Amino acid sequence: MKKYPCSYRQILLSILDVHIAFLDIDMPDMNGVAIAKLIKELHNNVNIIFVTAYSEYMRDAWEMYASGYLLKPVRKNDVKH
């Protein structure tokens, strides 16, 4: 398994009951795609939805089976139950 900053690994290991994660691409220490890959390694059943201003990462998101990709600014109608 890859090495990641300790704080992310500890947080992700502690959230076993999470069903969905909303991530941005631009995040401290790691980008959202790297964090999503870590989440999928630890909890494959978590749905990942990216909420970001960076459209160029959309292919990466789909290749890792992200459940959604919302471009900022997000409108209320963009998010459905």
C-alpha atoms as a PDB file:
ATOM      1  CA  MET A   1       0.000   0.000   0.000  1.00  0.00           C
ATOM      2  CA  LYS A   2       1.209   3.531  -0.777  1.00  0.00           C
ATOM      3  CA  LYS A   3       2.393   5.894   1.932  1.00  0.00           C
ATOM      4  CA  TYR A   4       0.220   8.941   2.602  1.00  0.00           C
ATOM      5  CA  PRO A   5       0.453  11.745   5.128  1.00  0.00           C
ATOM      6  CA  CYS A   6      -0.329  10.243   8.520  1.00  0.00           C
ATOM      7  CA  SER A   7      -3.172  12.622   9.310  1.00  0.00           C
ATOM      8  CA  TYR A   8      -5.197  11.621   6.226  1.00  0.00           C
ATOM      9  CA  ARG A   9      -4.705   7.901   6.853  1.00  0.00           C
ATOM     10  CA  GLN A  10      -5.769   8.229  10.502  1.00  0.00           C
ATOM     11  CA  ILE A  11      -8.860  10.216   9.598  1.00  0.00           C
ATOM     12  CA  LEU A  12      -9.886   7.844   6.834  1.00  0.00           C
ATOM     13  CA  LEU A  13      -9.409   4.752   8.980  1.00  0.00           C
ATOM     14  CA  SER A  14     -11.638   6.276  11.643  1.00  0.00           C
ATOM     15  CA  ILE A  15     -14.627   6.884   9.337  1.00  0.00           C
ATOM     16  CA  LEU A  16     -15.730   3.345   8.636  1.00  0.00           C
ATOM     17  CA  ASP A  17     -19.446   4.160   8.428  1.00  0.00           C
ATOM     18  CA  VAL A  18     -19.216   6.863   5.773  1.00  0.00           C
ATOM     19  CA  HIS A  19     -21.230   6.199   2.619  1.00  0.00           C
ATOM     20  CA  ILE A  20     -20.402   9.316   0.627  1.00  0.00           C
ATOM     21  CA  ALA A  21     -17.468  11.739   0.486  1.00  0.00           C
ATOM     22  CA  PHE A  22     -17.493  15.154  -1.175  1.00  0.00           C
ATOM     23  CA  LEU A  23     -13.968  16.184  -2.177  1.00  0.00           C
ATOM     24  CA  ASP A  24     -12.368  19.168  -3.842  1.00  0.00           C
ATOM     25  CA  ILE A  25      -9.318  18.742  -6.073  1.00  0.00           C
ATOM     26  CA  ASP A  26      -7.288  21.545  -4.491  1.00  0.00           C
ATOM     27  CA  MET A  27      -6.649  20.435  -0.896  1.00  0.00           C
ATOM     28  CA  PRO A  28      -3.703  20.824   1.502  1.00  0.00           C
ATOM     29  CA  ASP A  29      -0.896  18.222   1.265  1.00  0.00           C
ATOM     30  CA  MET A  30      -2.672  16.003  -1.323  1.00  0.00           C
ATOM     31  CA  ASN A  31      -5.068  16.641  -4.143  1.00  0.00           C
ATOM     32  CA  GLY A  32      -8.593  15.273  -3.984  1.00  0.00           C
ATOM     33  CA  VAL A  33      -7.913  12.551  -6.572  1.00  0.00           C
ATOM     34  CA  ALA A  34      -5.134  11.107  -4.405  1.00  0.00           C
ATOM     35  CA  ILE A  35      -7.360  11.248  -1.325  1.00  0.00           C
ATOM     36  CA  ALA A  36     -10.176   9.560  -3.249  1.00  0.00           C
ATOM     37  CA  LYS A  37      -7.820   6.740  -4.263  1.00  0.00           C
ATOM     38  CA  LEU A  38      -6.855   6.272  -0.624  1.00  0.00           C
ATOM     39  CA  ILE A  39     -10.509   6.218   0.419  1.00  0.00           C
ATOM     40  CA  LYS A  40     -11.240   3.579  -2.236  1.00  0.00           C
ATOM     41  CA  GLU A  41      -8.291   1.465  -1.018  1.00  0.00           C
ATOM     42  CA  LEU A  42      -9.534   1.583   2.557  1.00  0.00           C
ATOM     43  CA  HIS A  43     -13.318   1.654   1.987  1.00  0.00           C
ATOM     44  CA  ASN A  44     -14.209   0.587  -1.545  1.00  0.00           C
ATOM     45  CA  ASN A  45     -17.952   1.044  -0.998  1.00  0.00           C
ATOM     46  CA  VAL A  46     -17.737   4.813  -0.323  1.00  0.00           C
ATOM     47  CA  ASN A  47     -19.283   6.977  -3.049  1.00  0.00           C
ATOM     48  CA  ILE A  48     -16.920   9.771  -4.079  1.00  0.00           C
ATOM     49  CA  ILE A  49     -18.299  13.018  -5.476  1.00  0.00           C
ATOM     50  CA  PHE A  50     -15.904  15.727  -6.564  1.00  0.00           C
ATOM     51  CA  VAL A  51     -16.972  19.350  -6.144  1.00  0.00           C
ATOM     52  CA  THR A  52     -14.337  21.448  -7.842  1.00  0.00           C
ATOM     53  CA  ALA A  53     -13.504  24.188 -10.320  1.00  0.00           C
ATOM     54  CA  TYR A  54     -11.036  21.942 -12.186  1.00  0.00           C
ATOM     55  CA  SER A  55     -12.643  20.193 -15.148  1.00  0.00           C
ATOM     56  CA  GLU A  56      -9.329  18.671 -16.284  1.00  0.00           C
ATOM     57  CA  TYR A  57      -9.488  16.026 -13.529  1.00  0.00           C
ATOM     58  CA  MET A  58     -12.832  14.639 -14.654  1.00  0.00           C
ATOM     59  CA  ARG A  59     -11.268  11.714 -16.534  1.00  0.00           C
ATOM     60  CA  ASP A  60      -9.244  10.719 -13.457  1.00  0.00           C
ATOM     61  CA  ALA A  61     -12.445  10.784 -11.423  1.00  0.00           C
ATOM     62  CA  TRP A  62     -14.350   8.521 -13.812  1.00  0.00           C
ATOM     63  CA  GLU A  63     -11.433   6.080 -14.095  1.00  0.00           C
ATOM     64  CA  MET A  64     -11.600   5.570 -10.335  1.00  0.00           C
ATOM     65  CA  TYR A  65     -15.388   5.122 -10.464  1.00  0.00           C
ATOM     66  CA  ALA A  66     -16.351   8.380  -8.793  1.00  0.00           C
ATOM     67  CA  SER A  67     -20.094   8.673  -8.297  1.00  0.00           C
ATOM     68  CA  GLY A  68     -20.194  12.276  -9.452  1.00  0.00           C
ATOM     69  CA  TYR A  69     -18.288  15.352 -10.538  1.00  0.00           C
ATOM     70  CA  LEU A  70     -19.772  18.786  -9.924  1.00  0.00           C
ATOM     71  CA  LEU A  71     -18.140  21.910 -11.297  1.00  0.00           C
ATOM     72  CA  LYS A  72     -18.161  25.020  -9.129  1.00  0.00           C
ATOM     73  CA  PRO A  73     -20.151  27.080  -8.675  1.00  0.00           C
ATOM     74  CA  VAL A  74     -22.628  24.378  -7.668  1.00  0.00           C
ATOM     75  CA  ARG A  75     -26.316  25.221  -7.751  1.00  0.00           C
ATOM     76  CA  LYS A  76     -28.916  23.637  -5.511  1.00  0.00           C
ATOM     77  CA  ASN A  77     -30.432  21.814  -8.524  1.00  0.00           C
ATOM     78  CA  ASP A  78     -27.056  20.205  -9.292  1.00  0.00           C
ATOM     79  CA  VAL A  79     -27.355  18.055  -6.150  1.00  0.00           C
ATOM     80  CA  LYS A  80     -30.212  15.558  -6.085  1.00  0.00           C
ATOM     81  CA  HIS A  81     -31.308  13.166  -3.337  1.00  0.00           C
END
